[in-house]
C-alpha atoms as a PDB file:
ATOM      1  CA  MET A   1      98.858 140.227 112.932  1.00  0.00           C
ATOM      2  CA  THR A   2     102.616 140.632 113.354  1.00  0.00           C
ATOM      3  CA  LEU A   3     104.891 138.285 115.294  1.00  0.00           C
ATOM      4  CA  SER A   4     106.838 139.477 118.281  1.00  0.00           C
ATOM      5  CA  GLU A   5     110.637 139.274 118.130  1.00  0.00           C
ATOM      6  CA  PRO A   6     110.830 136.265 120.550  1.00  0.00           C
ATOM      7  CA  LYS A   7     108.293 134.344 118.430  1.00  0.00           C
ATOM      8  CA  LYS A   8     110.202 135.174 115.231  1.00  0.00           C
ATOM      9  CA  MET A   9     113.411 133.950 116.796  1.00  0.00           C
ATOM     10  CA  GLY A  10     111.685 130.776 117.968  1.00  0.00           C
ATOM     11  CA  ILE A  11     110.378 129.981 114.500  1.00  0.00           C
ATOM     12  CA  VAL A  12     113.788 130.610 112.925  1.00  0.00           C
ATOM     13  CA  ALA A  13     115.425 128.322 115.480  1.00  0.00           C
ATOM     14  CA  LEU A  14     112.820 125.618 114.808  1.00  0.00           C
ATOM     15  CA  VAL A  15     113.379 125.841 111.037  1.00  0.00           C
ATOM     16  CA  ILE A  16     117.152 125.545 111.532  1.00  0.00           C
ATOM     17  CA  LEU A  17     116.699 122.483 113.731  1.00  0.00           C
ATOM     18  CA  LEU A  18     114.377 120.878 111.196  1.00  0.00           C
ATOM     19  CA  ILE A  19     116.878 121.496 108.395  1.00  0.00           C
ATOM     20  CA  ILE A  20     119.758 120.069 110.408  1.00  0.00           C
ATOM     21  CA  GLY A  21     117.684 117.047 111.394  1.00  0.00           C
ATOM     22  CA  GLY A  22     116.499 116.571 107.838  1.00  0.00           C
ATOM     23  CA  SER A  23     118.265 116.970 104.518  1.00  0.00           C
ATOM     24  CA  LEU A  24     121.554 118.395 105.764  1.00  0.00           C
ATOM     25  CA  ALA A  25     121.985 115.527 108.193  1.00  0.00           C
ATOM     26  CA  LEU A  26     122.419 113.237 105.224  1.00  0.00           C
ATOM     27  CA  VAL A  27     125.714 114.876 104.245  1.00  0.00           C
ATOM     28  CA  ILE A  28     127.233 115.622 107.652  1.00  0.00           C
ATOM     29  CA  ARG A  29     130.354 113.505 108.300  1.00  0.00           C
ATOM     30  CA  LEU A  30     131.095 112.839 111.926  1.00  0.00           C
ATOM     31  CA  PRO A  31     134.731 112.732 113.138  1.00  0.00           C
ATOM     32  CA  THR A  32     136.285 109.288 113.182  1.00  0.00           C
ATOM     33  CA  GLY A  33     139.759 110.047 114.515  1.00  0.00           C
ATOM     34  CA  MET A  34     141.740 110.147 111.221  1.00  0.00           C
ATOM     35  CA  GLU A  35     141.231 113.875 110.630  1.00  0.00           C
ATOM     36  CA  GLY A  36     144.562 115.563 109.943  1.00  0.00           C
ATOM     37  CA  THR A  37     146.235 112.302 108.897  1.00  0.00           C
ATOM     38  CA  ARG A  38     147.849 112.310 105.445  1.00  0.00           C
ATOM     39  CA  VAL A  39     147.570 109.005 103.570  1.00  0.00           C
ATOM     40  CA  ALA A  40     149.408 108.153 100.329  1.00  0.00           C
ATOM     41  CA  ILE A  41     147.925 105.377  98.158  1.00  0.00           C
ATOM     42  CA  TYR A  42     150.481 103.828  95.797  1.00  0.00           C
ATOM     43  CA  TYR A  43     149.029 103.669  92.280  1.00  0.00           C
ATOM     44  CA  ASP A  44     151.591 102.683  89.664  1.00  0.00           C
ATOM     45  CA  ARG A  45     152.653  99.635  87.665  1.00  0.00           C
ATOM     46  CA  GLY A  46     151.576  96.442  89.407  1.00  0.00           C
ATOM     47  CA  ALA A  47     148.776  97.960  91.504  1.00  0.00           C
ATOM     48  CA  LEU A  48     145.265  96.560  91.113  1.00  0.00           C
ATOM     49  CA  PRO A  49     143.061  99.533  90.132  1.00  0.00           C
ATOM     50  CA  SER A  50     140.041  98.207  92.041  1.00  0.00           C
ATOM     51  CA  SER A  51     142.059  97.647  95.236  1.00  0.00           C
ATOM     52  CA  ALA A  52     143.647 101.114  95.029  1.00  0.00           C
ATOM     53  CA  THR A  53     140.213 102.672  94.435  1.00  0.00           C
ATOM     54  CA  ALA A  54     138.619 100.805  97.334  1.00  0.00           C
ATOM     55  CA  LEU A  55     141.463 101.823  99.676  1.00  0.00           C
ATOM     56  CA  PHE A  56     141.185 105.457  98.548  1.00  0.00           C
ATOM     57  CA  ASN A  57     137.466 105.471  99.345  1.00  0.00           C
ATOM     58  CA  MET A  58     138.024 103.649 102.634  1.00  0.00           C
ATOM     59  CA  TYR A  59     140.441 106.313 103.873  1.00  0.00           C
ATOM     60  CA  ASN A  60     138.152 109.074 102.625  1.00  0.00           C
ATOM     61  CA  TRP A  61     135.442 107.464 104.754  1.00  0.00           C
ATOM     62  CA  MET A  62     137.857 107.694 107.691  1.00  0.00           C
ATOM     63  CA  ASN A  63     138.170 111.440 106.943  1.00  0.00           C
ATOM     64  CA  ALA A  64     141.904 111.173 106.244  1.00  0.00           C
ATOM     65  CA  GLU A  65     143.522 113.424 103.632  1.00  0.00           C
ATOM     66  CA  THR A  66     144.134 110.881 100.874  1.00  0.00           C
ATOM     67  CA  ASN A  67     146.162 111.123  97.642  1.00  0.00           C
ATOM     68  CA  TYR A  68     147.524 108.816  94.970  1.00  0.00           C
ATOM     69  CA  ILE A  69     151.302 108.667  94.497  1.00  0.00           C
ATOM     70  CA  ASN A  70     153.604 106.780  92.119  1.00  0.00           C
ATOM     71  CA  SER A  71     157.139 105.394  92.117  1.00  0.00           C
ATOM     72  CA  THR A  72     158.693 108.631  90.899  1.00  0.00           C
ATOM     73  CA  ASP A  73     157.010 110.541  93.718  1.00  0.00           C
ATOM     74  CA  ILE A  74     158.495 108.174  96.280  1.00  0.00           C
ATOM     75  CA  GLN A  75     161.945 108.311  94.721  1.00  0.00           C
ATOM     76  CA  GLN A  76     161.777 112.117  94.929  1.00  0.00           C
ATOM     77  CA  GLY A  77     160.902 112.122  98.646  1.00  0.00           C
ATOM     78  CA  VAL A  78     157.151 112.707  98.632  1.00  0.00           C
ATOM     79  CA  LEU A  79     156.649 110.483 101.704  1.00  0.00           C
ATOM     80  CA  ASP A  80     158.144 113.215 103.883  1.00  0.00           C
ATOM     81  CA  GLY A  81     154.753 114.908 103.673  1.00  0.00           C
ATOM     82  CA  TYR A  82     152.691 111.877 104.714  1.00  0.00           C
ATOM     83  CA  ASP A  83     151.889 109.864 107.819  1.00  0.00           C
ATOM     84  CA  LEU A  84     150.973 106.550 106.190  1.00  0.00           C
ATOM     85  CA  VAL A  85     151.764 104.892 102.868  1.00  0.00           C
ATOM     86  CA  VAL A  86     149.392 102.244 101.483  1.00  0.00           C
ATOM     87  CA  PHE A  87     150.308  99.535  98.982  1.00  0.00           C
ATOM     88  CA  PRO A  88     147.190  97.883  97.520  1.00  0.00           C
ATOM     89  CA  GLY A  89     146.755  94.411  96.151  1.00  0.00           C
ATOM     90  CA  GLY A  90     148.875  93.752  93.093  1.00  0.00           C
ATOM     91  CA  SER A  91     152.316  92.523  92.119  1.00  0.00           C
ATOM     92  CA  SER A  92     155.054  92.897  94.722  1.00  0.00           C
ATOM     93  CA  TYR A  93     157.553  92.039  91.973  1.00  0.00           C
ATOM     94  CA  ASP A  94     156.361  94.985  89.868  1.00  0.00           C
ATOM     95  CA  TYR A  95     156.372  97.262  92.917  1.00  0.00           C
ATOM     96  CA  SER A  96     160.003  96.409  93.548  1.00  0.00           C
ATOM     97  CA  GLY A  97     161.010  96.876  89.927  1.00  0.00           C
ATOM     98  CA  SER A  98     159.255 100.212  89.500  1.00  0.00           C
ATOM     99  CA  LEU A  99     160.585 101.687  92.720  1.00  0.00           C
ATOM    100  CA  GLY A 100     164.142 100.436  92.383  1.00  0.00           C
ATOM    101  CA  SER A 101     166.571 100.580  95.274  1.00  0.00           C
ATOM    102  CA  THR A 102     166.045 104.337  95.661  1.00  0.00           C
ATOM    103  CA  GLY A 103     162.294 103.977  96.132  1.00  0.00           C
ATOM    104  CA  ARG A 104     162.547 100.896  98.351  1.00  0.00           C
ATOM    105  CA  ASN A 105     165.089 102.603 100.607  1.00  0.00           C
ATOM    106  CA  ALA A 106     162.883 105.700 100.778  1.00  0.00           C
ATOM    107  CA  ILE A 107     159.980 103.602 102.076  1.00  0.00           C
ATOM    108  CA  CYS A 108     162.136 101.838 104.672  1.00  0.00           C
ATOM    109  CA  ASP A 109     163.586 105.163 105.858  1.00  0.00           C
ATOM    110  CA  PHE A 110     160.091 106.658 106.022  1.00  0.00           C
ATOM    111  CA  VAL A 111     158.851 103.870 108.308  1.00  0.00           C
ATOM    112  CA  ALA A 112     162.046 103.662 110.374  1.00  0.00           C
ATOM    113  CA  ASN A 113     161.775 107.390 111.093  1.00  0.00           C
ATOM    114  CA  GLY A 114     158.199 107.190 112.358  1.00  0.00           C
ATOM    115  CA  GLY A 115     155.978 106.640 109.334  1.00  0.00           C
ATOM    116  CA  SER A 116     153.435 103.847 108.897  1.00  0.00           C
ATOM    117  CA  TYR A 117     153.081 101.178 106.207  1.00  0.00           C
ATOM    118  CA  PHE A 118     149.769  99.514 105.229  1.00  0.00           C
ATOM    119  CA  GLY A 119     149.986  96.603 102.769  1.00  0.00           C
ATOM    120  CA  ILE A 120     147.253  94.456 101.215  1.00  0.00           C
ATOM    121  CA  CYS A 121     147.887  91.104  99.463  1.00  0.00           C
ATOM    122  CA  GLY A 122     150.776  91.868  97.048  1.00  0.00           C
ATOM    123  CA  GLY A 123     151.386  94.999  99.087  1.00  0.00           C
ATOM    124  CA  SER A 124     151.713  92.870 102.217  1.00  0.00           C
ATOM    125  CA  VAL A 125     154.159  90.472 100.550  1.00  0.00           C
ATOM    126  CA  PHE A 126     156.128  93.556  99.514  1.00  0.00           C
ATOM    127  CA  GLY A 127     156.544  94.409 103.196  1.00  0.00           C
ATOM    128  CA  THR A 128     158.027  91.013 104.125  1.00  0.00           C
ATOM    129  CA  LYS A 129     161.607  89.761 104.138  1.00  0.00           C
ATOM    130  CA  LEU A 130     161.382  89.061 100.406  1.00  0.00           C
ATOM    131  CA  TYR A 131     161.465  92.787  99.602  1.00  0.00           C
ATOM    132  CA  LEU A 132     161.314  95.686 102.086  1.00  0.00           C
ATOM    133  CA  MET A 133     161.976  93.581 105.212  1.00  0.00           C
ATOM    134  CA  LEU A 134     159.629  95.731 107.314  1.00  0.00           C
ATOM    135  CA  PHE A 135     158.376  92.439 108.787  1.00  0.00           C
ATOM    136  CA  ASP A 136     161.056  89.965 109.803  1.00  0.00           C
ATOM    137  CA  GLY A 137     159.263  87.038 108.219  1.00  0.00           C
ATOM    138  CA  TYR A 138     157.486  85.701 105.176  1.00  0.00           C
ATOM    139  CA  ALA A 139     154.070  85.080 103.639  1.00  0.00           C
ATOM    140  CA  SER A 140     152.928  81.547 102.851  1.00  0.00           C
ATOM    141  CA  GLY A 141     150.980  80.267  99.877  1.00  0.00           C
ATOM    142  CA  ALA A 142     147.207  79.938  99.644  1.00  0.00           C
ATOM    143  CA  VAL A 143     145.444  78.592 102.736  1.00  0.00           C
ATOM    144  CA  ASN A 144     142.081  77.673 101.226  1.00  0.00           C
ATOM    145  CA  GLY A 145     142.905  76.858  97.611  1.00  0.00           C
ATOM    146  CA  SER A 146     142.929  79.071  94.552  1.00  0.00           C
ATOM    147  CA  GLY A 147     140.424  81.667  93.391  1.00  0.00           C
ATOM    148  CA  THR A 148     138.282  84.189  95.236  1.00  0.00           C
ATOM    149  CA  LYS A 149     135.648  83.621  97.920  1.00  0.00           C
ATOM    150  CA  LEU A 150     134.346  85.105 101.131  1.00  0.00           C
ATOM    151  CA  LEU A 151     136.146  83.369 103.972  1.00  0.00           C
ATOM    152  CA  GLU A 152     135.435  83.695 107.673  1.00  0.00           C
ATOM    153  CA  MET A 153     138.399  84.965 109.678  1.00  0.00           C
ATOM    154  CA  ILE A 154     138.619  85.050 113.467  1.00  0.00           C
ATOM    155  CA  VAL A 155     139.418  88.348 115.182  1.00  0.00           C
ATOM    156  CA  ASN A 156     142.176  88.377 117.800  1.00  0.00           C
ATOM    157  CA  THR A 157     140.100  89.725 120.687  1.00  0.00           C
ATOM    158  CA  ASN A 158     143.220  89.505 122.907  1.00  0.00           C
ATOM    159  CA  SER A 159     145.110  92.021 120.761  1.00  0.00           C
ATOM    160  CA  THR A 160     147.766  93.885 122.735  1.00  0.00           C
ATOM    161  CA  GLY A 161     148.094  96.382 119.876  1.00  0.00           C
ATOM    162  CA  PRO A 162     145.109  97.912 118.075  1.00  0.00           C
ATOM    163  CA  ASP A 163     142.040  98.250 120.287  1.00  0.00           C
ATOM    164  CA  ILE A 164     139.565  95.947 118.561  1.00  0.00           C
ATOM    165  CA  SER A 165     137.368  95.382 121.587  1.00  0.00           C
ATOM    166  CA  GLY A 166     133.653  95.496 120.898  1.00  0.00           C
ATOM    167  CA  LEU A 167     134.045  94.515 117.242  1.00  0.00           C
ATOM    168  CA  PRO A 168     132.610  91.279 115.797  1.00  0.00           C
ATOM    169  CA  ALA A 169     134.397  88.060 116.777  1.00  0.00           C
ATOM    170  CA  SER A 170     134.793  87.188 113.093  1.00  0.00           C
ATOM    171  CA  TYR A 171     134.422  88.704 109.640  1.00  0.00           C
ATOM    172  CA  ASP A 172     133.708  87.290 106.189  1.00  0.00           C
ATOM    173  CA  ILE A 173     136.658  88.747 104.248  1.00  0.00           C
ATOM    174  CA  LEU A 174     137.502  88.479 100.565  1.00  0.00           C
ATOM    175  CA  TYR A 175     139.990  85.649 100.113  1.00  0.00           C
ATOM    176  CA  TRP A 176     142.067  85.790  96.922  1.00  0.00           C
ATOM    177  CA  ASP A 177     144.632  82.983  96.983  1.00  0.00           C
ATOM    178  CA  SER A 178     145.438  84.407 100.409  1.00  0.00           C
ATOM    179  CA  GLY A 179     148.142  83.079 102.708  1.00  0.00           C
ATOM    180  CA  TYR A 180     149.404  83.679 106.228  1.00  0.00           C
ATOM    181  CA  PHE A 181     152.470  85.238 107.853  1.00  0.00           C
ATOM    182  CA  TYR A 182     155.217  83.450 109.732  1.00  0.00           C
ATOM    183  CA  SER A 183     158.732  84.150 110.978  1.00  0.00           C
ATOM    184  CA  ASN A 184     161.820  82.204 111.990  1.00  0.00           C
ATOM    185  CA  ASN A 185     162.627  84.973 114.445  1.00  0.00           C
ATOM    186  CA  THR A 186     162.436  83.568 117.971  1.00  0.00           C
ATOM    187  CA  THR A 187     161.042  86.884 119.244  1.00  0.00           C
ATOM    188  CA  TYR A 188     158.191  86.751 116.732  1.00  0.00           C
ATOM    189  CA  GLU A 189     155.456  86.364 119.338  1.00  0.00           C
ATOM    190  CA  SER A 190     156.577  89.394 121.321  1.00  0.00           C
ATOM    191  CA  THR A 191     157.151  91.727 118.377  1.00  0.00           C
ATOM    192  CA  VAL A 192     154.281  90.842 116.021  1.00  0.00           C
ATOM    193  CA  ILE A 193     150.601  91.122 116.930  1.00  0.00           C
ATOM    194  CA  PRO A 194     148.068  89.048 114.947  1.00  0.00           C
ATOM    195  CA  ILE A 195     144.828  90.803 114.025  1.00  0.00           C
ATOM    196  CA  THR A 196     142.909  87.938 112.404  1.00  0.00           C
ATOM    197  CA  PHE A 197     143.405  84.170 112.127  1.00  0.00           C
ATOM    198  CA  TYR A 198     142.359  81.553 109.600  1.00  0.00           C
ATOM    199  CA  PRO A 199     140.062  79.001 111.270  1.00  0.00           C
ATOM    200  CA  GLN A 200     141.610  76.281 109.067  1.00  0.00           C
ATOM    201  CA  ASN A 201     145.070  76.450 110.655  1.00  0.00           C
ATOM    202  CA  ASN A 202     144.946  79.199 113.307  1.00  0.00           C
ATOM    203  CA  GLN A 203     147.632  81.129 111.430  1.00  0.00           C
ATOM    204  CA  PRO A 204     147.520  84.946 111.142  1.00  0.00           C
ATOM    205  CA  GLY A 205     146.226  86.474 107.926  1.00  0.00           C
ATOM    206  CA  MET A 206     146.650  90.029 109.252  1.00  0.00           C
ATOM    207  CA  ILE A 207     149.437  91.310 111.500  1.00  0.00           C
ATOM    208  CA  VAL A 208     150.893  94.524 112.899  1.00  0.00           C
ATOM    209  CA  CYS A 209     154.475  95.111 113.994  1.00  0.00           C
ATOM    210  CA  LYS A 210     157.002  97.857 114.672  1.00  0.00           C
ATOM    211  CA  TYR A 211     159.887  98.816 112.404  1.00  0.00           C
ATOM    212  CA  GLY A 212     162.287 101.313 113.886  1.00  0.00           C
ATOM    213  CA  SER A 213     160.166 104.202 115.131  1.00  0.00           C
ATOM    214  CA  GLY A 214     157.344 103.333 112.741  1.00  0.00           C
ATOM    215  CA  THR A 215     154.554 100.801 112.425  1.00  0.00           C
ATOM    216  CA  VAL A 216     153.476  98.194 109.863  1.00  0.00           C
ATOM    217  CA  PHE A 217     150.181  96.478 108.977  1.00  0.00           C
ATOM    218  CA  LEU A 218     150.089  93.538 106.568  1.00  0.00           C
ATOM    219  CA  SER A 219     146.948  91.780 105.345  1.00  0.00           C
ATOM    220  CA  PHE A 220     146.936  88.911 102.872  1.00  0.00           C
ATOM    221  CA  PRO A 221     143.116  88.904 102.410  1.00  0.00           C
ATOM    222  CA  HIS A 222     141.243  91.999 101.131  1.00  0.00           C
ATOM    223  CA  PRO A 223     139.324  93.970 103.794  1.00  0.00           C
ATOM    224  CA  GLU A 224     139.186  97.080 101.577  1.00  0.00           C
ATOM    225  CA  TYR A 225     136.421  95.737  99.309  1.00  0.00           C
ATOM    226  CA  GLU A 226     132.790  96.368 100.293  1.00  0.00           C
ATOM    227  CA  GLU A 227     131.193  93.526  98.378  1.00  0.00           C
ATOM    228  CA  GLY A 228     127.640  94.375  97.360  1.00  0.00           C
ATOM    229  CA  SER A 229     128.063  98.084  98.212  1.00  0.00           C
ATOM    230  CA  VAL A 230     128.909 101.145  96.113  1.00  0.00           C
ATOM    231  CA  ARG A 231     130.774 103.022  98.831  1.00  0.00           C
ATOM    232  CA  ASP A 232     134.148 101.481  97.938  1.00  0.00           C
ATOM    233  CA  GLY A 233     133.915 103.125  94.501  1.00  0.00           C
ATOM    234  CA  THR A 234     134.249  99.864  92.566  1.00  0.00           C
ATOM    235  CA  ASP A 235     131.883  97.081  91.508  1.00  0.00           C
ATOM    236  CA  GLN A 236     134.656  94.493  91.768  1.00  0.00           C
ATOM    237  CA  PHE A 237     133.388  91.399  93.645  1.00  0.00           C
ATOM    238  CA  ASP A 238     129.929  92.915  94.131  1.00  0.00           C
ATOM    239  CA  TYR A 239     128.464  89.577  93.099  1.00  0.00           C
ATOM    240  CA  TYR A 240     129.292  88.399  96.638  1.00  0.00           C
ATOM    241  CA  ALA A 241     126.772  89.112  99.390  1.00  0.00           C
ATOM    242  CA  ASP A 242     129.028  90.256 102.227  1.00  0.00           C
ATOM    243  CA  PRO A 243     127.102  90.372 105.530  1.00  0.00           C
ATOM    244  CA  ASP A 244     129.571  92.743 107.212  1.00  0.00           C
ATOM    245  CA  SER A 245     132.117  95.513 106.638  1.00  0.00           C
ATOM    246  CA  GLU A 246     135.758  95.363 107.689  1.00  0.00           C
ATOM    247  CA  TRP A 247     136.230  99.133 107.494  1.00  0.00           C
ATOM    248  CA  ASP A 248     135.644  99.639 111.221  1.00  0.00           C
ATOM    249  CA  LEU A 249     138.376  97.078 111.912  1.00  0.00           C
ATOM    250  CA  MET A 250     140.696  98.866 109.463  1.00  0.00           C
ATOM    251  CA  LEU A 251     139.952 102.163 111.208  1.00  0.00           C
ATOM    252  CA  ARG A 252     141.014 100.719 114.563  1.00  0.00           C
ATOM    253  CA  VAL A 253     144.187  99.340 112.975  1.00  0.00           C
ATOM    254  CA  SER A 254     144.980 102.644 111.249  1.00  0.00           C
ATOM    255  CA  LEU A 255     144.481 104.637 114.445  1.00  0.00           C
ATOM    256  CA  TRP A 256     146.952 102.334 116.202  1.00  0.00           C
ATOM    257  CA  LEU A 257     149.478 102.651 113.377  1.00  0.00           C
ATOM    258  CA  ILE A 258     149.490 106.440 113.666  1.00  0.00           C
ATOM    259  CA  ALA A 259     149.356 106.584 117.469  1.00  0.00           C
ATOM    260  CA  SER A 260     152.141 104.005 117.918  1.00  0.00           C
ATOM    261  CA  SER A 261     154.591 105.688 115.528  1.00  0.00           C
ATOM    262  CA  THR A 262     157.054 108.063 117.100  1.00  0.00           C
END
């Protein structure tokens, strides 16, 4: 018995649907909103390899086009081809020394002209008044003592910047001698938007702000690590059992950074 053309077509269509709903569905990546965005991860002297790796994998998860760059790249103008530059955890002192005045000025010009800056821990201190002055303020010392731990941080559900509605009211985030941000600028409240607060003192551990035509995100704690998971590409801190992921929060922040730059 031979099948009619309509029946053949029906079987083929059914097989295609089964394949799509089965094995292929495991590798399909749905759009997240960062497609077409070019992200540069700084990876040079002073950068923590595990933090840089986790950030690289985080932005790959967001479907951004992600590359590593170094101080020489920045000094030679590579940021002109990117939308966002990321400085991982590490030594802000080493960042400054490696980049020199040429590299530091290139970053400031990049942000002032509409680029975005994303700094974690040492990378966030690098963005303060001590170095790049992208944020008109400073970072304090440790809030909850020395060492590493998972520390609950409260989400600013009243954010007037990144849309973080519908996300958890708090996250357990990796604390690593982490501090908070403050400013002596009297317009601080109107120009800087907190993203998370420490419950110990109600001070912001993550902030966003504008710099010229660009945008800035600074985080003293480490939301890039997925403790207990392999998807961040590193086993650093996997001995912690993290009940949540901060990547969705970082996606919302990153979308705001890009959308709010002009």
